[in-house]
Amino acid sequence: MEPKNLGEVIKKIRVPVVAKACGLTPRAIYKWIDGGTLPRTDYTGETKYAQKIACASGGLFTAQQILDVGKHQVNHQDTDAA
């Protein structure tokens, strides 16, 4: 299953499960959904939320898929603003 956006990934796994896996509050996860991407620190390697979410997914998604859908969203936002 190829996810279309970060919200789809998170909602499939469920927000409370993702929050617990990442050691964050559900509110923080909803902010990711609203923004359509993980924090910048996950793309720079400072944090590993995508890996934690992938583990929590039980094999539904890989860390790379999760990073890619967020990056894809960011790229669309950049081109929409131009």
C-alpha atoms as a PDB file:
ATOM      1  CA  MET A   1       0.000   0.000   0.000  1.00  0.00           C
ATOM      2  CA  GLU A   2       1.534   3.282  -1.122  1.00  0.00           C
ATOM      3  CA  PRO A   3       0.397   6.134   1.166  1.00  0.00           C
ATOM      4  CA  LYS A   4      -0.687   9.430  -0.413  1.00  0.00           C
ATOM      5  CA  ASN A   5       0.096  11.690   2.548  1.00  0.00           C
ATOM      6  CA  LEU A   6       1.356  11.658   6.115  1.00  0.00           C
ATOM      7  CA  GLY A   7      -2.153  11.929   7.542  1.00  0.00           C
ATOM      8  CA  GLU A   8      -3.153   8.720   5.776  1.00  0.00           C
ATOM      9  CA  VAL A   9      -0.175   6.914   7.297  1.00  0.00           C
ATOM     10  CA  ILE A  10      -0.812   8.179  10.810  1.00  0.00           C
ATOM     11  CA  LYS A  11      -4.570   7.623  10.736  1.00  0.00           C
ATOM     12  CA  LYS A  12      -4.089   4.051   9.485  1.00  0.00           C
ATOM     13  CA  ILE A  13      -1.844   3.317  12.483  1.00  0.00           C
ATOM     14  CA  ARG A  14      -3.934   5.568  14.798  1.00  0.00           C
ATOM     15  CA  VAL A  15      -2.830   8.810  16.409  1.00  0.00           C
ATOM     16  CA  PRO A  16      -2.494   7.486  19.999  1.00  0.00           C
ATOM     17  CA  VAL A  17      -0.299   4.604  18.812  1.00  0.00           C
ATOM     18  CA  VAL A  18       1.980   6.963  16.851  1.00  0.00           C
ATOM     19  CA  ALA A  19       2.143   9.387  19.787  1.00  0.00           C
ATOM     20  CA  LYS A  20       3.148   6.622  22.186  1.00  0.00           C
ATOM     21  CA  ALA A  21       5.735   5.197  19.765  1.00  0.00           C
ATOM     22  CA  CYS A  22       7.313   8.644  19.343  1.00  0.00           C
ATOM     23  CA  GLY A  23       7.071   9.639  23.005  1.00  0.00           C
ATOM     24  CA  LEU A  24       4.920  12.658  22.146  1.00  0.00           C
ATOM     25  CA  THR A  25       1.388  13.871  22.789  1.00  0.00           C
ATOM     26  CA  PRO A  26      -1.452  13.212  20.358  1.00  0.00           C
ATOM     27  CA  ARG A  27      -1.651  16.995  19.854  1.00  0.00           C
ATOM     28  CA  ALA A  28       1.909  17.011  18.488  1.00  0.00           C
ATOM     29  CA  ILE A  29       0.953  14.267  16.040  1.00  0.00           C
ATOM     30  CA  TYR A  30      -2.111  16.222  14.887  1.00  0.00           C
ATOM     31  CA  LYS A  31       0.211  19.148  14.131  1.00  0.00           C
ATOM     32  CA  TRP A  32       2.207  16.856  11.835  1.00  0.00           C
ATOM     33  CA  ILE A  33      -1.022  15.821  10.109  1.00  0.00           C
ATOM     34  CA  ASP A  34      -2.086  19.463   9.691  1.00  0.00           C
ATOM     35  CA  GLY A  35       1.332  20.391   8.303  1.00  0.00           C
ATOM     36  CA  GLY A  36       1.546  17.289   6.134  1.00  0.00           C
ATOM     37  CA  THR A  37       5.111  16.508   7.160  1.00  0.00           C
ATOM     38  CA  LEU A  38       7.323  15.310   9.974  1.00  0.00           C
ATOM     39  CA  PRO A  39       9.563  17.805  11.773  1.00  0.00           C
ATOM     40  CA  ARG A  40      12.612  19.051   9.866  1.00  0.00           C
ATOM     41  CA  THR A  41      14.796  17.162  12.334  1.00  0.00           C
ATOM     42  CA  ASP A  42      13.582  13.844  10.932  1.00  0.00           C
ATOM     43  CA  TYR A  43      14.852  14.786   7.466  1.00  0.00           C
ATOM     44  CA  THR A  44      18.222  15.920   8.820  1.00  0.00           C
ATOM     45  CA  GLY A  45      18.695  12.733  10.852  1.00  0.00           C
ATOM     46  CA  GLU A  46      18.471  14.416  14.245  1.00  0.00           C
ATOM     47  CA  THR A  47      15.333  12.438  15.146  1.00  0.00           C
ATOM     48  CA  LYS A  48      14.032   9.064  13.997  1.00  0.00           C
ATOM     49  CA  TYR A  49      10.247   9.479  14.159  1.00  0.00           C
ATOM     50  CA  ALA A  50       9.735   7.867  10.736  1.00  0.00           C
ATOM     51  CA  GLN A  51      11.515   4.730  11.949  1.00  0.00           C
ATOM     52  CA  LYS A  52       9.425   4.656  15.124  1.00  0.00           C
ATOM     53  CA  ILE A  53       6.219   5.090  13.125  1.00  0.00           C
ATOM     54  CA  ALA A  54       7.283   2.350  10.704  1.00  0.00           C
ATOM     55  CA  CYS A  55       7.846  -0.030  13.621  1.00  0.00           C
ATOM     56  CA  ALA A  56       4.455   0.889  15.086  1.00  0.00           C
ATOM     57  CA  SER A  57       2.819   0.177  11.718  1.00  0.00           C
ATOM     58  CA  GLY A  58       3.686  -3.501  11.996  1.00  0.00           C
ATOM     59  CA  GLY A  59       5.130  -3.589   8.496  1.00  0.00           C
ATOM     60  CA  LEU A  60       2.429  -1.571   6.701  1.00  0.00           C
ATOM     61  CA  PHE A  61       4.847   1.265   5.968  1.00  0.00           C
ATOM     62  CA  THR A  62       8.611   1.700   5.798  1.00  0.00           C
ATOM     63  CA  ALA A  63      10.472   4.646   7.280  1.00  0.00           C
ATOM     64  CA  GLN A  64      11.414   5.740   3.758  1.00  0.00           C
ATOM     65  CA  GLN A  65       7.776   5.729   2.607  1.00  0.00           C
ATOM     66  CA  ILE A  66       6.836   7.887   5.582  1.00  0.00           C
ATOM     67  CA  LEU A  67       9.652  10.350   4.921  1.00  0.00           C
ATOM     68  CA  ASP A  68       8.817  10.446   1.210  1.00  0.00           C
ATOM     69  CA  VAL A  69       5.122  11.308   1.633  1.00  0.00           C
ATOM     70  CA  GLY A  70       6.035  14.157   3.973  1.00  0.00           C
ATOM     71  CA  LYS A  71       8.757  15.421   1.649  1.00  0.00           C
ATOM     72  CA  HIS A  72       6.349  15.147  -1.297  1.00  0.00           C
ATOM     73  CA  GLN A  73       3.868  17.340   0.590  1.00  0.00           C
ATOM     74  CA  VAL A  74       6.537  19.927   1.406  1.00  0.00           C
ATOM     75  CA  ASN A  75       7.625  20.065  -2.242  1.00  0.00           C
ATOM     76  CA  HIS A  76       4.038  20.653  -3.370  1.00  0.00           C
ATOM     77  CA  GLN A  77       3.638  23.471  -0.856  1.00  0.00           C
ATOM     78  CA  ASP A  78       6.839  25.074  -2.132  1.00  0.00           C
ATOM     79  CA  THR A  79       5.690  24.983  -5.762  1.00  0.00           C
ATOM     80  CA  ASP A  80       2.175  26.158  -4.889  1.00  0.00           C
ATOM     81  CA  ALA A  81       3.630  29.275  -3.251  1.00  0.00           C
ATOM     82  CA  ALA A  82       5.652  30.183  -6.356  1.00  0.00           C
END
